[in-house]
Amino acid sequence: MERLYNYIHQIQQLYAGDNWLDESFIKKLKNENNDTAFVQPIPGVHSVAEIVWHVIYWRNTLIKNMEGDLGYRDRTVDELNFLSNKTLQEKGWDDLISQLEASQQKLIGLLDKQTDDFLDTFYRENDTYDYLVSGIIQHDSYHLGQIGLVQKMLLVQQSQP
């Protein structure tokens, strides 16, 4: 259970903190709201809400795979990978945060029931769950940094006359 425990620990740290980066989704998103989360700093750059949705989608892809729905990604990636700001605004920021939290609880709950042997299981040709779980951690890390950059860009814009 050493590998699995390490992955669970990393997912928890990325979500709630106490990691070497001293960053987490909770810390980065605590001051976001309906007025700030949907703002794109420049055309073509995703808003915080769009990035959060994208993270939720890929976490849900892992969850669906673990639940046996191996075709979820292929059926939904074109439609759900990135939702428009308009669609996300209709959902609202609080709903997005609730979905992120739900994905965290579900993912940890499912991983907690597994052993390291699960990580060596192939979910598709040439790809194991080890690859997918570690990929989600890398994906979360990347987009956590991206959220920070978007927030910094918006802060700089607000401070300019």
N, C-alpha and C. Protein backbone atom coordinates (compact mmCIF):
# COMPACT_ATOMS: atom_id res chain seq x y z
N MET A 1 0.82 -1.21 0.00
CA MET A 1 0.00 0.00 0.00
C MET A 1 0.86 1.26 0.00
N GLU A 2 2.13 1.09 -0.09
CA GLU A 2 3.02 2.25 -0.02
C GLU A 2 2.82 3.22 -1.18
N ARG A 3 2.76 2.71 -2.41
CA ARG A 3 2.56 3.60 -3.56
C ARG A 3 1.20 4.28 -3.50
N LEU A 4 0.18 3.49 -3.20
CA LEU A 4 -1.17 4.02 -3.14
C LEU A 4 -1.30 5.06 -2.04
N TYR A 5 -0.73 4.76 -0.88
CA TYR A 5 -0.76 5.72 0.22
C TYR A 5 -0.08 7.02 -0.20
N ASN A 6 1.04 6.92 -0.90
CA ASN A 6 1.77 8.10 -1.36
C ASN A 6 0.90 8.93 -2.31
N TYR A 7 0.20 8.27 -3.23
CA TYR A 7 -0.68 8.98 -4.15
C TYR A 7 -1.84 9.66 -3.41
N ILE A 8 -2.46 8.94 -2.50
CA ILE A 8 -3.55 9.52 -1.72
C ILE A 8 -3.06 10.74 -0.96
N HIS A 9 -1.89 10.62 -0.36
CA HIS A 9 -1.31 11.74 0.41
C HIS A 9 -1.07 12.95 -0.50
N GLN A 10 -0.55 12.72 -1.69
CA GLN A 10 -0.30 13.83 -2.63
C GLN A 10 -1.60 14.50 -3.05
N ILE A 11 -2.63 13.70 -3.33
CA ILE A 11 -3.93 14.26 -3.73
C ILE A 11 -4.50 15.09 -2.60
N GLN A 12 -4.38 14.60 -1.38
CA GLN A 12 -4.88 15.35 -0.22
C GLN A 12 -4.10 16.65 -0.03
N GLN A 13 -2.79 16.60 -0.20
CA GLN A 13 -1.97 17.80 -0.04
C GLN A 13 -2.27 18.83 -1.12
N LEU A 14 -2.46 18.40 -2.36
CA LEU A 14 -2.79 19.34 -3.42
C LEU A 14 -4.14 20.00 -3.17
N TYR A 15 -5.04 19.28 -2.58
CA TYR A 15 -6.36 19.82 -2.31
C TYR A 15 -6.37 20.73 -1.09
N ALA A 16 -5.77 20.27 0.01
CA ALA A 16 -5.92 20.98 1.28
C ALA A 16 -4.65 21.61 1.83
N GLY A 17 -3.49 21.30 1.27
CA GLY A 17 -2.26 21.94 1.71
C GLY A 17 -1.34 21.05 2.51
N ASP A 18 -0.41 21.70 3.21
CA ASP A 18 0.62 21.04 3.99
C ASP A 18 1.58 20.27 3.08
N ASN A 19 1.92 20.89 1.95
CA ASN A 19 2.88 20.27 1.04
C ASN A 19 4.09 21.20 0.86
N TRP A 20 5.08 20.70 0.19
CA TRP A 20 6.32 21.44 -0.02
C TRP A 20 6.07 22.73 -0.79
N LEU A 21 5.11 22.71 -1.69
CA LEU A 21 4.78 23.90 -2.49
C LEU A 21 4.13 25.00 -1.66
N ASP A 22 3.53 24.62 -0.54
CA ASP A 22 2.73 25.53 0.29
C ASP A 22 1.59 26.13 -0.52
N GLU A 23 1.01 25.32 -1.39
CA GLU A 23 -0.13 25.73 -2.21
C GLU A 23 -1.16 24.61 -2.20
N SER A 24 -2.40 24.97 -2.40
CA SER A 24 -3.47 23.98 -2.48
C SER A 24 -4.66 24.61 -3.17
N PHE A 25 -5.58 23.76 -3.60
CA PHE A 25 -6.80 24.28 -4.20
C PHE A 25 -7.58 25.11 -3.18
N ILE A 26 -7.67 24.64 -1.96
CA ILE A 26 -8.41 25.40 -0.95
C ILE A 26 -7.80 26.78 -0.76
N LYS A 27 -6.49 26.84 -0.65
CA LYS A 27 -5.80 28.13 -0.44
C LYS A 27 -5.98 29.05 -1.66
N LYS A 28 -5.81 28.50 -2.85
CA LYS A 28 -5.90 29.32 -4.06
C LYS A 28 -7.31 29.81 -4.33
N LEU A 29 -8.31 29.03 -3.95
CA LEU A 29 -9.69 29.34 -4.34
C LEU A 29 -10.49 30.02 -3.25
N LYS A 30 -9.92 30.20 -2.07
CA LYS A 30 -10.70 30.71 -0.93
C LYS A 30 -11.27 32.10 -1.14
N ASN A 31 -10.63 32.93 -1.94
CA ASN A 31 -11.12 34.30 -2.15
C ASN A 31 -11.88 34.49 -3.46
N GLU A 32 -12.06 33.40 -4.19
CA GLU A 32 -12.81 33.49 -5.44
C GLU A 32 -14.31 33.52 -5.14
N ASN A 33 -15.06 34.13 -6.05
CA ASN A 33 -16.52 34.19 -5.91
C ASN A 33 -17.12 34.38 -7.30
N ASN A 34 -18.43 34.55 -7.36
CA ASN A 34 -19.11 34.71 -8.65
C ASN A 34 -18.62 35.93 -9.43
N ASP A 35 -18.10 36.93 -8.74
CA ASP A 35 -17.63 38.14 -9.42
C ASP A 35 -16.22 37.99 -9.99
N THR A 36 -15.41 37.10 -9.42
CA THR A 36 -14.01 37.00 -9.85
C THR A 36 -13.69 35.73 -10.62
N ALA A 37 -14.33 34.63 -10.30
CA ALA A 37 -13.93 33.33 -10.83
C ALA A 37 -14.13 33.17 -12.34
N PHE A 38 -15.01 33.96 -12.91
CA PHE A 38 -15.35 33.78 -14.33
C PHE A 38 -14.66 34.80 -15.24
N VAL A 39 -13.79 35.61 -14.69
CA VAL A 39 -13.10 36.64 -15.47
C VAL A 39 -11.90 36.02 -16.19
N GLN A 40 -11.85 36.23 -17.50
CA GLN A 40 -10.69 35.82 -18.27
C GLN A 40 -9.72 36.99 -18.32
N PRO A 41 -8.46 36.79 -17.94
CA PRO A 41 -7.52 37.91 -17.89
C PRO A 41 -7.25 38.53 -19.25
N ILE A 42 -7.21 37.72 -20.28
CA ILE A 42 -7.11 38.18 -21.67
C ILE A 42 -7.84 37.15 -22.53
N PRO A 43 -8.29 37.56 -23.70
CA PRO A 43 -8.98 36.61 -24.57
C PRO A 43 -8.10 35.39 -24.85
N GLY A 44 -8.69 34.23 -24.74
CA GLY A 44 -7.94 33.00 -25.01
C GLY A 44 -7.31 32.37 -23.79
N VAL A 45 -7.32 33.07 -22.68
CA VAL A 45 -6.80 32.52 -21.42
C VAL A 45 -7.99 32.16 -20.55
N HIS A 46 -7.99 30.95 -20.06
CA HIS A 46 -9.13 30.45 -19.28
C HIS A 46 -9.28 31.21 -17.96
N SER A 47 -10.53 31.32 -17.54
CA SER A 47 -10.83 31.86 -16.22
C SER A 47 -10.52 30.80 -15.17
N VAL A 48 -10.47 31.22 -13.91
CA VAL A 48 -10.28 30.28 -12.81
C VAL A 48 -11.38 29.22 -12.84
N ALA A 49 -12.60 29.63 -13.07
CA ALA A 49 -13.72 28.69 -13.10
C ALA A 49 -13.55 27.65 -14.21
N GLU A 50 -13.11 28.08 -15.38
CA GLU A 50 -12.90 27.14 -16.48
C GLU A 50 -11.83 26.11 -16.12
N ILE A 51 -10.78 26.56 -15.46
CA ILE A 51 -9.70 25.65 -15.05
C ILE A 51 -10.20 24.68 -13.99
N VAL A 52 -10.95 25.20 -13.02
CA VAL A 52 -11.49 24.34 -11.96
C VAL A 52 -12.39 23.27 -12.58
N TRP A 53 -13.26 23.66 -13.51
CA TRP A 53 -14.11 22.67 -14.16
C TRP A 53 -13.28 21.60 -14.85
N HIS A 54 -12.23 22.03 -15.56
CA HIS A 54 -11.36 21.10 -16.28
C HIS A 54 -10.73 20.10 -15.31
N VAL A 55 -10.31 20.55 -14.16
CA VAL A 55 -9.76 19.67 -13.13
C VAL A 55 -10.83 18.68 -12.66
N ILE A 56 -12.02 19.18 -12.41
CA ILE A 56 -13.13 18.32 -11.99
C ILE A 56 -13.39 17.24 -13.04
N TYR A 57 -13.44 17.66 -14.30
CA TYR A 57 -13.73 16.71 -15.38
C TYR A 57 -12.72 15.56 -15.38
N TRP A 58 -11.43 15.87 -15.30
CA TRP A 58 -10.42 14.81 -15.38
C TRP A 58 -10.39 13.96 -14.13
N ARG A 59 -10.67 14.54 -12.97
CA ARG A 59 -10.81 13.74 -11.76
C ARG A 59 -12.00 12.78 -11.92
N ASN A 60 -13.10 13.29 -12.47
CA ASN A 60 -14.27 12.45 -12.69
C ASN A 60 -14.00 11.35 -13.72
N THR A 61 -13.14 11.61 -14.68
CA THR A 61 -12.75 10.59 -15.63
C THR A 61 -12.05 9.43 -14.92
N LEU A 62 -11.14 9.75 -14.01
CA LEU A 62 -10.49 8.71 -13.21
C LEU A 62 -11.52 7.97 -12.36
N ILE A 63 -12.39 8.71 -11.71
CA ILE A 63 -13.43 8.10 -10.87
C ILE A 63 -14.29 7.14 -11.70
N LYS A 64 -14.75 7.59 -12.86
CA LYS A 64 -15.59 6.75 -13.72
C LYS A 64 -14.84 5.48 -14.14
N ASN A 65 -13.56 5.63 -14.47
CA ASN A 65 -12.75 4.46 -14.82
C ASN A 65 -12.70 3.48 -13.66
N MET A 66 -12.48 3.99 -12.47
CA MET A 66 -12.39 3.13 -11.29
C MET A 66 -13.72 2.45 -10.99
N GLU A 67 -14.80 3.07 -11.39
CA GLU A 67 -16.13 2.49 -11.18
C GLU A 67 -16.54 1.55 -12.32
N GLY A 68 -15.66 1.40 -13.32
CA GLY A 68 -15.93 0.46 -14.39
C GLY A 68 -16.42 1.07 -15.69
N ASP A 69 -16.62 2.38 -15.73
CA ASP A 69 -17.08 3.04 -16.95
C ASP A 69 -15.86 3.49 -17.76
N LEU A 70 -15.25 2.53 -18.46
CA LEU A 70 -14.00 2.80 -19.17
C LEU A 70 -14.19 3.64 -20.43
N GLY A 71 -15.41 3.81 -20.88
CA GLY A 71 -15.67 4.60 -22.08
C GLY A 71 -16.07 6.04 -21.79
N TYR A 72 -16.11 6.43 -20.52
CA TYR A 72 -16.57 7.76 -20.14
C TYR A 72 -15.78 8.86 -20.86
N ARG A 73 -14.47 8.79 -20.80
CA ARG A 73 -13.64 9.82 -21.43
C ARG A 73 -13.95 9.96 -22.91
N ASP A 74 -13.95 8.85 -23.62
CA ASP A 74 -14.17 8.90 -25.06
C ASP A 74 -15.54 9.46 -25.41
N ARG A 75 -16.55 9.17 -24.59
CA ARG A 75 -17.91 9.66 -24.85
C ARG A 75 -18.07 11.14 -24.51
N THR A 76 -17.25 11.68 -23.61
CA THR A 76 -17.53 13.01 -23.06
C THR A 76 -16.46 14.06 -23.29
N VAL A 77 -15.26 13.68 -23.68
CA VAL A 77 -14.15 14.64 -23.71
C VAL A 77 -14.44 15.84 -24.62
N ASP A 78 -15.02 15.62 -25.77
CA ASP A 78 -15.28 16.74 -26.68
C ASP A 78 -16.29 17.72 -26.09
N GLU A 79 -17.27 17.21 -25.38
CA GLU A 79 -18.34 18.05 -24.84
C GLU A 79 -17.99 18.66 -23.48
N LEU A 80 -17.28 17.91 -22.64
CA LEU A 80 -17.14 18.31 -21.24
C LEU A 80 -15.74 18.73 -20.79
N ASN A 81 -14.72 18.49 -21.60
CA ASN A 81 -13.35 18.79 -21.17
C ASN A 81 -13.20 20.22 -20.67
N PHE A 82 -13.65 21.16 -21.47
CA PHE A 82 -13.71 22.57 -21.05
C PHE A 82 -15.12 23.07 -21.35
N LEU A 83 -15.79 23.56 -20.34
CA LEU A 83 -17.10 24.18 -20.53
C LEU A 83 -16.92 25.68 -20.70
N SER A 84 -17.84 26.30 -21.38
CA SER A 84 -17.77 27.75 -21.59
C SER A 84 -18.00 28.48 -20.27
N ASN A 85 -17.49 29.67 -20.22
CA ASN A 85 -17.73 30.52 -19.05
C ASN A 85 -19.23 30.71 -18.82
N LYS A 86 -19.97 30.88 -19.91
CA LYS A 86 -21.42 31.08 -19.80
C LYS A 86 -22.08 29.89 -19.11
N THR A 87 -21.75 28.69 -19.57
CA THR A 87 -22.30 27.47 -18.96
C THR A 87 -21.90 27.38 -17.49
N LEU A 88 -20.66 27.70 -17.19
CA LEU A 88 -20.17 27.62 -15.81
C LEU A 88 -20.83 28.67 -14.93
N GLN A 89 -21.07 29.86 -15.48
CA GLN A 89 -21.76 30.90 -14.70
C GLN A 89 -23.17 30.46 -14.35
N GLU A 90 -23.81 29.74 -15.26
CA GLU A 90 -25.14 29.22 -14.96
C GLU A 90 -25.10 28.23 -13.81
N LYS A 91 -24.03 27.45 -13.72
CA LYS A 91 -23.86 26.53 -12.60
C LYS A 91 -23.60 27.31 -11.31
N GLY A 92 -22.79 28.35 -11.42
CA GLY A 92 -22.41 29.17 -10.28
C GLY A 92 -21.14 28.67 -9.61
N TRP A 93 -20.43 29.60 -9.01
CA TRP A 93 -19.15 29.29 -8.37
C TRP A 93 -19.31 28.30 -7.22
N ASP A 94 -20.32 28.50 -6.40
CA ASP A 94 -20.52 27.60 -5.25
C ASP A 94 -20.73 26.16 -5.71
N ASP A 95 -21.45 25.98 -6.82
CA ASP A 95 -21.66 24.63 -7.35
C ASP A 95 -20.34 24.02 -7.82
N LEU A 96 -19.51 24.82 -8.48
CA LEU A 96 -18.21 24.31 -8.93
C LEU A 96 -17.35 23.88 -7.75
N ILE A 97 -17.33 24.69 -6.72
CA ILE A 97 -16.54 24.35 -5.53
C ILE A 97 -17.09 23.08 -4.88
N SER A 98 -18.39 22.95 -4.84
CA SER A 98 -19.01 21.73 -4.29
C SER A 98 -18.63 20.50 -5.12
N GLN A 99 -18.60 20.67 -6.45
CA GLN A 99 -18.22 19.55 -7.32
C GLN A 99 -16.75 19.19 -7.14
N LEU A 100 -15.90 20.19 -6.94
CA LEU A 100 -14.48 19.90 -6.70
C LEU A 100 -14.32 19.13 -5.39
N GLU A 101 -15.00 19.59 -4.36
CA GLU A 101 -14.94 18.90 -3.07
C GLU A 101 -15.49 17.47 -3.18
N ALA A 102 -16.59 17.30 -3.90
CA ALA A 102 -17.17 15.97 -4.08
C ALA A 102 -16.20 15.05 -4.83
N SER A 103 -15.51 15.60 -5.83
CA SER A 103 -14.54 14.78 -6.56
C SER A 103 -13.40 14.36 -5.64
N GLN A 104 -13.00 15.25 -4.75
CA GLN A 104 -11.94 14.94 -3.80
C GLN A 104 -12.38 13.79 -2.88
N GLN A 105 -13.55 13.92 -2.31
CA GLN A 105 -14.04 12.89 -1.38
C GLN A 105 -14.23 11.54 -2.09
N LYS A 106 -14.81 11.57 -3.28
CA LYS A 106 -15.06 10.34 -4.03
C LYS A 106 -13.75 9.68 -4.43
N LEU A 107 -12.81 10.46 -4.92
CA LEU A 107 -11.54 9.92 -5.37
C LEU A 107 -10.77 9.29 -4.21
N ILE A 108 -10.67 9.99 -3.10
CA ILE A 108 -9.97 9.45 -1.93
C ILE A 108 -10.70 8.20 -1.43
N GLY A 109 -12.02 8.24 -1.39
CA GLY A 109 -12.80 7.09 -0.94
C GLY A 109 -12.55 5.85 -1.79
N LEU A 110 -12.51 6.03 -3.11
CA LEU A 110 -12.27 4.91 -4.01
C LEU A 110 -10.84 4.38 -3.88
N LEU A 111 -9.87 5.29 -3.80
CA LEU A 111 -8.48 4.88 -3.68
C LEU A 111 -8.22 4.18 -2.35
N ASP A 112 -8.87 4.63 -1.30
CA ASP A 112 -8.71 4.03 0.03
C ASP A 112 -9.11 2.55 0.06
N LYS A 113 -9.96 2.14 -0.86
CA LYS A 113 -10.45 0.75 -0.91
C LYS A 113 -9.52 -0.16 -1.71
N GLN A 114 -8.50 0.40 -2.32
CA GLN A 114 -7.63 -0.36 -3.21
C GLN A 114 -6.32 -0.76 -2.52
N THR A 115 -5.55 -1.56 -3.22
CA THR A 115 -4.19 -1.92 -2.79
C THR A 115 -3.23 -1.51 -3.90
N ASP A 116 -1.94 -1.64 -3.65
CA ASP A 116 -0.96 -1.31 -4.67
C ASP A 116 -1.14 -2.16 -5.93
N ASP A 117 -1.66 -3.36 -5.79
CA ASP A 117 -1.90 -4.22 -6.96
C ASP A 117 -2.85 -3.55 -7.96
N PHE A 118 -3.80 -2.80 -7.44
CA PHE A 118 -4.73 -2.07 -8.30
C PHE A 118 -3.97 -1.16 -9.26
N LEU A 119 -2.92 -0.53 -8.77
CA LEU A 119 -2.15 0.41 -9.60
C LEU A 119 -1.51 -0.27 -10.81
N ASP A 120 -1.27 -1.57 -10.72
CA ASP A 120 -0.66 -2.31 -11.82
C ASP A 120 -1.69 -2.84 -12.81
N THR A 121 -2.97 -2.61 -12.54
CA THR A 121 -4.06 -3.06 -13.42
C THR A 121 -4.15 -2.14 -14.63
N PHE A 122 -4.30 -2.74 -15.80
CA PHE A 122 -4.46 -1.97 -17.03
C PHE A 122 -5.92 -1.55 -17.17
N TYR A 123 -6.14 -0.27 -17.43
CA TYR A 123 -7.50 0.20 -17.69
C TYR A 123 -7.73 0.36 -19.19
N ARG A 124 -6.64 0.39 -19.94
CA ARG A 124 -6.68 0.32 -21.40
C ARG A 124 -5.31 -0.18 -21.84
N GLU A 125 -5.23 -0.55 -23.11
CA GLU A 125 -3.98 -1.12 -23.61
C GLU A 125 -2.80 -0.21 -23.31
N ASN A 126 -1.78 -0.74 -22.70
CA ASN A 126 -0.51 -0.06 -22.38
C ASN A 126 -0.59 0.95 -21.24
N ASP A 127 -1.75 1.18 -20.62
CA ASP A 127 -1.85 2.17 -19.56
C ASP A 127 -2.45 1.55 -18.29
N THR A 128 -1.71 1.69 -17.20
CA THR A 128 -2.17 1.17 -15.92
C THR A 128 -2.81 2.28 -15.10
N TYR A 129 -3.48 1.87 -14.02
CA TYR A 129 -4.04 2.86 -13.11
C TYR A 129 -2.94 3.68 -12.44
N ASP A 130 -1.75 3.10 -12.30
CA ASP A 130 -0.63 3.87 -11.77
C ASP A 130 -0.37 5.08 -12.67
N TYR A 131 -0.36 4.86 -13.95
CA TYR A 131 -0.17 5.93 -14.93
C TYR A 131 -1.29 6.97 -14.81
N LEU A 132 -2.53 6.51 -14.68
CA LEU A 132 -3.67 7.42 -14.63
C LEU A 132 -3.71 8.21 -13.32
N VAL A 133 -3.49 7.55 -12.19
CA VAL A 133 -3.52 8.25 -10.90
C VAL A 133 -2.37 9.25 -10.81
N SER A 134 -1.18 8.83 -11.20
CA SER A 134 -0.05 9.77 -11.16
C SER A 134 -0.27 10.91 -12.15
N GLY A 135 -0.91 10.62 -13.27
CA GLY A 135 -1.23 11.66 -14.25
C GLY A 135 -2.21 12.69 -13.70
N ILE A 136 -3.19 12.24 -12.94
CA ILE A 136 -4.15 13.17 -12.33
C ILE A 136 -3.44 14.07 -11.32
N ILE A 137 -2.51 13.52 -10.58
CA ILE A 137 -1.74 14.33 -9.63
C ILE A 137 -0.93 15.39 -10.38
N GLN A 138 -0.27 14.99 -11.46
CA GLN A 138 0.49 15.94 -12.26
C GLN A 138 -0.44 16.99 -12.87
N HIS A 139 -1.59 16.56 -13.34
CA HIS A 139 -2.57 17.44 -13.94
C HIS A 139 -3.06 18.46 -12.92
N ASP A 140 -3.41 18.00 -11.72
CA ASP A 140 -3.84 18.90 -10.65
C ASP A 140 -2.75 19.92 -10.32
N SER A 141 -1.51 19.46 -10.23
CA SER A 141 -0.38 20.35 -9.91
C SER A 141 -0.22 21.44 -10.98
N TYR A 142 -0.25 21.03 -12.23
CA TYR A 142 -0.11 21.97 -13.34
C TYR A 142 -1.20 23.03 -13.28
N HIS A 143 -2.44 22.60 -13.11
CA HIS A 143 -3.54 23.55 -13.15
C HIS A 143 -3.64 24.38 -11.88
N LEU A 144 -3.15 23.89 -10.78
CA LEU A 144 -3.06 24.71 -9.57
C LEU A 144 -2.12 25.89 -9.83
N GLY A 145 -1.00 25.63 -10.48
CA GLY A 145 -0.09 26.71 -10.86
C GLY A 145 -0.72 27.65 -11.88
N GLN A 146 -1.47 27.11 -12.81
CA GLN A 146 -2.14 27.93 -13.81
C GLN A 146 -3.16 28.86 -13.15
N ILE A 147 -3.88 28.36 -12.18
CA ILE A 147 -4.83 29.20 -11.43
C ILE A 147 -4.09 30.37 -10.79
N GLY A 148 -2.94 30.09 -10.20
CA GLY A 148 -2.13 31.15 -9.59
C GLY A 148 -1.72 32.21 -10.60
N LEU A 149 -1.34 31.79 -11.80
CA LEU A 149 -0.96 32.75 -12.84
C LEU A 149 -2.14 33.60 -13.29
N VAL A 150 -3.30 32.98 -13.47
CA VAL A 150 -4.49 33.74 -13.86
C VAL A 150 -4.84 34.75 -12.77
N GLN A 151 -4.80 34.32 -11.53
CA GLN A 151 -5.10 35.23 -10.42
C GLN A 151 -4.10 36.39 -10.38
N LYS A 152 -2.84 36.12 -10.62
CA LYS A 152 -1.81 37.16 -10.64
C LYS A 152 -2.05 38.14 -11.79
N MET A 153 -2.40 37.63 -12.96
CA MET A 153 -2.67 38.49 -14.11
C MET A 153 -3.84 39.43 -13.80
N LEU A 154 -4.88 38.89 -13.18
CA LEU A 154 -6.05 39.71 -12.84
C LEU A 154 -5.71 40.76 -11.79
N LEU A 155 -4.88 40.38 -10.83
CA LEU A 155 -4.44 41.32 -9.79
C LEU A 155 -3.64 42.47 -10.39
N VAL A 156 -2.75 42.16 -11.31
CA VAL A 156 -1.95 43.19 -11.98
C VAL A 156 -2.87 44.11 -12.78
N GLN A 157 -3.85 43.55 -13.47
CA GLN A 157 -4.79 44.36 -14.26
C GLN A 157 -5.57 45.32 -13.35
N GLN A 158 -5.96 44.84 -12.21
CA GLN A 158 -6.74 45.67 -11.28
C GLN A 158 -5.92 46.81 -10.71
N SER A 159 -4.60 46.62 -10.60
CA SER A 159 -3.76 47.64 -9.98
C SER A 159 -3.30 48.70 -10.98
N GLN A 160 -3.54 48.47 -12.27
CA GLN A 160 -3.14 49.44 -13.28
C GLN A 160 -4.22 50.50 -13.46
N PRO A 161 -3.78 51.76 -13.66
CA PRO A 161 -4.75 52.84 -13.81
C PRO A 161 -5.57 52.77 -15.08
